[in-house]
Amino acid sequence: MKRAVVLLSGGLDSTTTLAQAIEDGCEVHAVSFRYGQKHSRELVSATEVCRYYGVMHTIIDINLASFRSALTNQDIDVPMDREGSLDKVIPITYVPARNIIFLSIAAGLCESVDANRIYIGANVVDYSGYPDCRPEFFRAFENMLSKGTKTGVEGNPIAVVTPILNMSKADIVRLGKKLGAPLSLTWSCYEGGEKACGHCDSCRLRLKGFEEAGYRDEIDYE
């Protein structure tokens, strides 16, 4: 059986990606990060998703709180109800170099558990303002892994798999439903309340995706 490390935030995109890895026949080892984000609600969802699937789950502690972002700095508010297109500028919710750091750690875990692929739920269609969610970034990262890891040098390079990269949010919802992913367990909101806020960029895109896909989002909103 193929073995894969799946980056799992606990959100809609990463949970659908985990479901796709299982559908692809992979033995999955999920990895999540406690990286100094303002709340840990998403990690609760990640744990519940892994329990649902019965897959290995590692939560790694790193501290990115000194990186300027609305997701890590208490003195920076998460933008609410932004007008216009949400993908024209890099938003303040961007955490500098986060995917570079997460993918690097995932690569180390791959070499430790004898996996040869990393699945990541990055998306360049809906909310593509983040520079580390672009196809050229993942191609460059794969090339770096082929040169800078033991497995790469020995001829078995680690692949970076991005199954939802070019999907709309509605298509991601449809795929998650098709795969039977537990979308009701997921958390996308940038806030950490008992219910999703419904006003941050992530909530608005998620709600729009469910509506366009023809499904009701089963999580609770304020």
Protein backbone atom coordinates (compact mmCIF):
# COMPACT_ATOMS: atom_id res chain seq x y z
CA MET A 1 0.00 0.00 0.00
CA LYS A 2 1.16 3.53 -0.78
CA ARG A 3 1.89 5.66 2.26
CA ALA A 4 1.18 9.38 2.42
CA VAL A 5 1.52 12.24 4.86
CA VAL A 6 -1.55 14.50 4.69
CA LEU A 7 -1.46 18.08 5.95
CA LEU A 8 -4.70 18.39 7.91
CA SER A 9 -5.90 21.69 9.34
CA GLY A 10 -9.36 20.36 10.15
CA GLY A 11 -10.99 22.49 7.45
CA LEU A 12 -13.12 21.68 4.43
CA ASP A 13 -10.25 21.63 1.93
CA SER A 14 -7.78 19.54 3.91
CA THR A 15 -10.44 17.05 5.00
CA THR A 16 -11.54 16.53 1.40
CA THR A 17 -7.89 16.09 0.49
CA LEU A 18 -7.46 13.45 3.19
CA ALA A 19 -10.53 11.64 1.84
CA GLN A 20 -8.97 11.73 -1.63
CA ALA A 21 -5.71 10.26 -0.34
CA ILE A 22 -7.64 7.36 1.15
CA GLU A 23 -9.60 6.97 -2.08
CA ASP A 24 -6.26 6.83 -3.91
CA GLY A 25 -5.35 3.78 -1.85
CA CYS A 26 -2.90 5.45 0.51
CA GLU A 27 -2.15 4.50 4.07
CA VAL A 28 -2.49 7.94 5.65
CA HIS A 29 -0.52 9.62 8.40
CA ALA A 30 -2.13 13.02 9.05
CA VAL A 31 -0.16 15.91 10.50
CA SER A 32 -1.53 19.11 12.04
CA PHE A 33 0.21 22.08 13.61
CA ARG A 34 -0.23 24.08 16.76
CA TYR A 35 1.69 27.04 15.37
CA GLY A 36 0.67 29.95 17.56
CA GLN A 37 -2.70 30.55 15.93
CA LYS A 38 -5.22 32.51 17.97
CA HIS A 39 -7.47 29.52 18.61
CA SER A 40 -7.25 25.74 18.53
CA ARG A 41 -10.79 25.03 17.35
CA GLU A 42 -9.55 23.73 14.01
CA LEU A 43 -7.33 21.19 15.79
CA VAL A 44 -10.40 19.79 17.53
CA SER A 45 -11.90 19.19 14.09
CA ALA A 46 -8.68 17.65 12.77
CA THR A 47 -8.64 15.22 15.69
CA GLU A 48 -12.30 14.30 15.11
CA VAL A 49 -11.71 13.76 11.39
CA CYS A 50 -8.78 11.45 12.08
CA ARG A 51 -10.83 9.54 14.63
CA TYR A 52 -13.60 9.19 12.05
CA TYR A 53 -11.20 7.63 9.55
CA GLY A 54 -9.09 5.77 12.08
CA VAL A 55 -5.83 7.20 10.72
CA MET A 56 -2.61 8.10 12.51
CA HIS A 57 -2.53 11.73 13.59
CA THR A 58 0.42 13.79 14.78
CA ILE A 59 0.07 17.35 16.10
CA ILE A 60 3.36 19.25 15.99
CA ASP A 61 4.05 22.33 18.09
CA ILE A 62 5.90 25.22 16.48
CA ASN A 63 5.67 28.92 17.26
CA LEU A 64 4.97 31.32 14.42
CA ALA A 65 3.41 33.94 16.70
CA SER A 66 6.19 36.38 15.86
CA PHE A 67 5.15 36.27 12.18
CA ARG A 68 2.85 39.16 11.31
CA SER A 69 -0.60 37.80 10.48
CA ALA A 70 -4.18 38.24 11.62
CA LEU A 71 -4.19 34.53 12.44
CA THR A 72 -1.29 34.73 14.91
CA ASN A 73 -1.16 38.30 16.25
CA GLN A 74 -3.68 39.27 18.90
CA ASP A 75 -3.41 42.94 17.96
CA ILE A 76 -4.45 42.36 14.31
CA ASP A 77 -8.15 41.85 13.64
CA VAL A 78 -9.40 39.28 11.16
CA PRO A 79 -11.09 41.18 8.28
CA MET A 80 -14.86 40.80 8.19
CA ASP A 81 -17.30 41.23 5.31
CA ARG A 82 -14.64 42.41 2.87
CA GLU A 83 -16.06 43.88 -0.32
CA GLY A 84 -15.01 43.00 -3.84
CA SER A 85 -13.04 39.99 -5.03
CA LEU A 86 -11.24 38.13 -2.28
CA ASP A 87 -8.27 37.09 -4.43
CA LYS A 88 -6.92 40.41 -5.73
CA VAL A 89 -4.49 41.17 -2.91
CA ILE A 90 -2.60 39.05 -0.40
CA PRO A 91 -4.74 39.38 2.76
CA ILE A 92 -3.53 40.00 6.30
CA THR A 93 -4.59 36.42 7.14
CA TYR A 94 -1.55 35.21 5.15
CA VAL A 95 0.97 33.65 7.54
CA PRO A 96 4.45 34.28 6.07
CA ALA A 97 6.08 31.13 4.66
CA ARG A 98 3.59 28.86 6.44
CA ASN A 99 3.27 26.30 3.65
CA ILE A 100 7.04 26.24 3.19
CA ILE A 101 7.44 25.40 6.88
CA PHE A 102 4.58 22.90 7.00
CA LEU A 103 5.69 21.09 3.84
CA SER A 104 9.27 20.90 5.09
CA ILE A 105 8.16 19.27 8.32
CA ALA A 106 5.85 16.94 6.38
CA ALA A 107 8.80 15.92 4.21
CA GLY A 108 10.80 15.05 7.32
CA LEU A 109 7.86 12.99 8.57
CA CYS A 110 7.67 11.25 5.18
CA GLU A 111 11.27 10.14 5.52
CA SER A 112 10.60 9.00 9.09
CA VAL A 113 7.52 6.88 8.31
CA ASP A 114 8.62 5.67 4.86
CA ALA A 115 6.04 7.71 2.93
CA ASN A 116 6.75 9.05 -0.54
CA ARG A 117 4.01 11.62 -1.01
CA ILE A 118 2.58 14.66 0.75
CA TYR A 119 -1.05 15.61 0.19
CA ILE A 120 -1.95 19.26 0.74
CA GLY A 121 -5.35 20.91 0.28
CA ALA A 122 -4.08 24.06 -1.39
CA ASN A 123 -6.39 25.85 -3.80
CA VAL A 124 -5.61 28.46 -6.43
CA VAL A 125 -9.14 29.14 -7.72
CA ASP A 126 -11.20 30.41 -4.80
CA TYR A 127 -9.17 32.64 -2.52
CA SER A 128 -5.89 32.38 -4.40
CA GLY A 129 -4.20 35.41 -2.88
CA TYR A 130 -1.66 33.32 -1.00
CA PRO A 131 1.64 33.01 -2.90
CA ASP A 132 2.36 29.58 -1.41
CA CYS A 133 -0.77 28.07 -2.99
CA ARG A 134 0.32 28.43 -6.61
CA PRO A 135 1.25 25.53 -8.96
CA GLU A 136 4.72 26.96 -9.60
CA PHE A 137 5.43 26.97 -5.87
CA PHE A 138 4.63 23.27 -5.54
CA ARG A 139 6.71 22.38 -8.60
CA ALA A 140 9.66 24.26 -7.14
CA PHE A 141 9.18 22.61 -3.76
CA GLU A 142 9.12 19.14 -5.30
CA ASN A 143 12.34 19.95 -7.15
CA MET A 144 13.93 21.12 -3.90
CA LEU A 145 12.92 17.87 -2.16
CA SER A 146 14.46 15.83 -4.97
CA LYS A 147 17.78 17.58 -4.33
CA GLY A 148 17.73 18.02 -0.56
CA THR A 149 16.36 14.81 0.96
CA LYS A 150 17.81 11.32 1.37
CA THR A 151 14.92 9.76 -0.52
CA GLY A 152 15.32 12.27 -3.34
CA VAL A 153 19.04 11.65 -3.72
CA GLU A 154 18.45 7.88 -3.66
CA GLY A 155 15.98 8.12 -6.55
CA ASN A 156 12.64 7.93 -4.72
CA PRO A 157 11.68 11.60 -4.44
CA ILE A 158 8.75 12.77 -2.36
CA ALA A 159 5.80 13.93 -4.47
CA VAL A 160 3.63 16.87 -3.46
CA VAL A 161 0.03 15.99 -4.36
CA THR A 162 -2.51 18.83 -4.73
CA PRO A 163 -5.81 17.16 -5.70
CA ILE A 164 -8.05 20.21 -5.27
CA LEU A 165 -5.63 22.87 -6.52
CA ASN A 166 -7.72 23.91 -9.53
CA MET A 167 -11.20 23.30 -8.13
CA SER A 168 -13.77 25.89 -7.18
CA LYS A 169 -15.06 25.78 -3.63
CA ALA A 170 -18.32 24.30 -4.93
CA ASP A 171 -16.38 21.55 -6.70
CA ILE A 172 -14.50 20.81 -3.48
CA VAL A 173 -17.79 20.45 -1.61
CA ARG A 174 -19.10 18.13 -4.32
CA LEU A 175 -15.94 16.03 -4.18
CA GLY A 176 -16.07 15.84 -0.40
CA LYS A 177 -19.68 14.67 -0.57
CA LYS A 178 -18.87 12.14 -3.28
CA LEU A 179 -16.05 10.69 -1.18
CA GLY A 180 -18.19 10.59 1.94
CA ALA A 181 -15.92 12.97 3.82
CA PRO A 182 -17.26 14.07 7.24
CA LEU A 183 -17.70 17.72 6.27
CA SER A 184 -19.95 18.31 9.28
CA LEU A 185 -16.89 17.78 11.51
CA THR A 186 -14.78 20.41 9.75
CA TRP A 187 -13.98 23.96 10.82
CA SER A 188 -13.03 26.76 8.42
CA CYS A 189 -13.72 29.93 10.42
CA TYR A 190 -10.83 32.22 11.35
CA GLU A 191 -12.53 32.91 14.67
CA GLY A 192 -12.56 30.40 17.50
CA GLY A 193 -16.06 30.65 18.92
CA GLU A 194 -18.53 27.88 19.56
CA LYS A 195 -20.13 28.70 16.21
CA ALA A 196 -18.55 29.87 12.96
CA CYS A 197 -18.79 33.64 12.52
CA GLY A 198 -20.10 33.61 8.94
CA HIS A 199 -18.35 36.92 8.15
CA CYS A 200 -14.63 36.21 7.70
CA ASP A 201 -13.30 35.44 4.22
CA SER A 202 -13.05 31.72 4.97
CA CYS A 203 -16.63 31.43 6.20
CA ARG A 204 -18.02 33.42 3.29
CA LEU A 205 -16.21 31.32 0.69
CA ARG A 206 -17.26 28.12 2.42
CA LEU A 207 -20.92 29.18 2.55
CA LYS A 208 -20.80 30.26 -1.09
CA GLY A 209 -19.29 26.90 -2.03
CA PHE A 210 -21.99 24.88 -0.29
CA GLU A 211 -24.72 27.05 -1.80
CA GLU A 212 -23.35 26.73 -5.34
CA ALA A 213 -22.87 22.99 -4.89
CA GLY A 214 -26.50 22.62 -3.84
CA TYR A 215 -25.87 21.42 -0.29
CA ARG A 216 -26.57 22.81 3.16
CA ASP A 217 -23.54 23.40 5.33
CA GLU A 218 -24.18 21.35 8.46
CA ILE A 219 -21.99 23.29 10.88
CA ASP A 220 -23.49 25.99 13.11
CA TYR A 221 -23.07 29.70 12.37
CA GLU A 222 -23.66 32.75 14.55
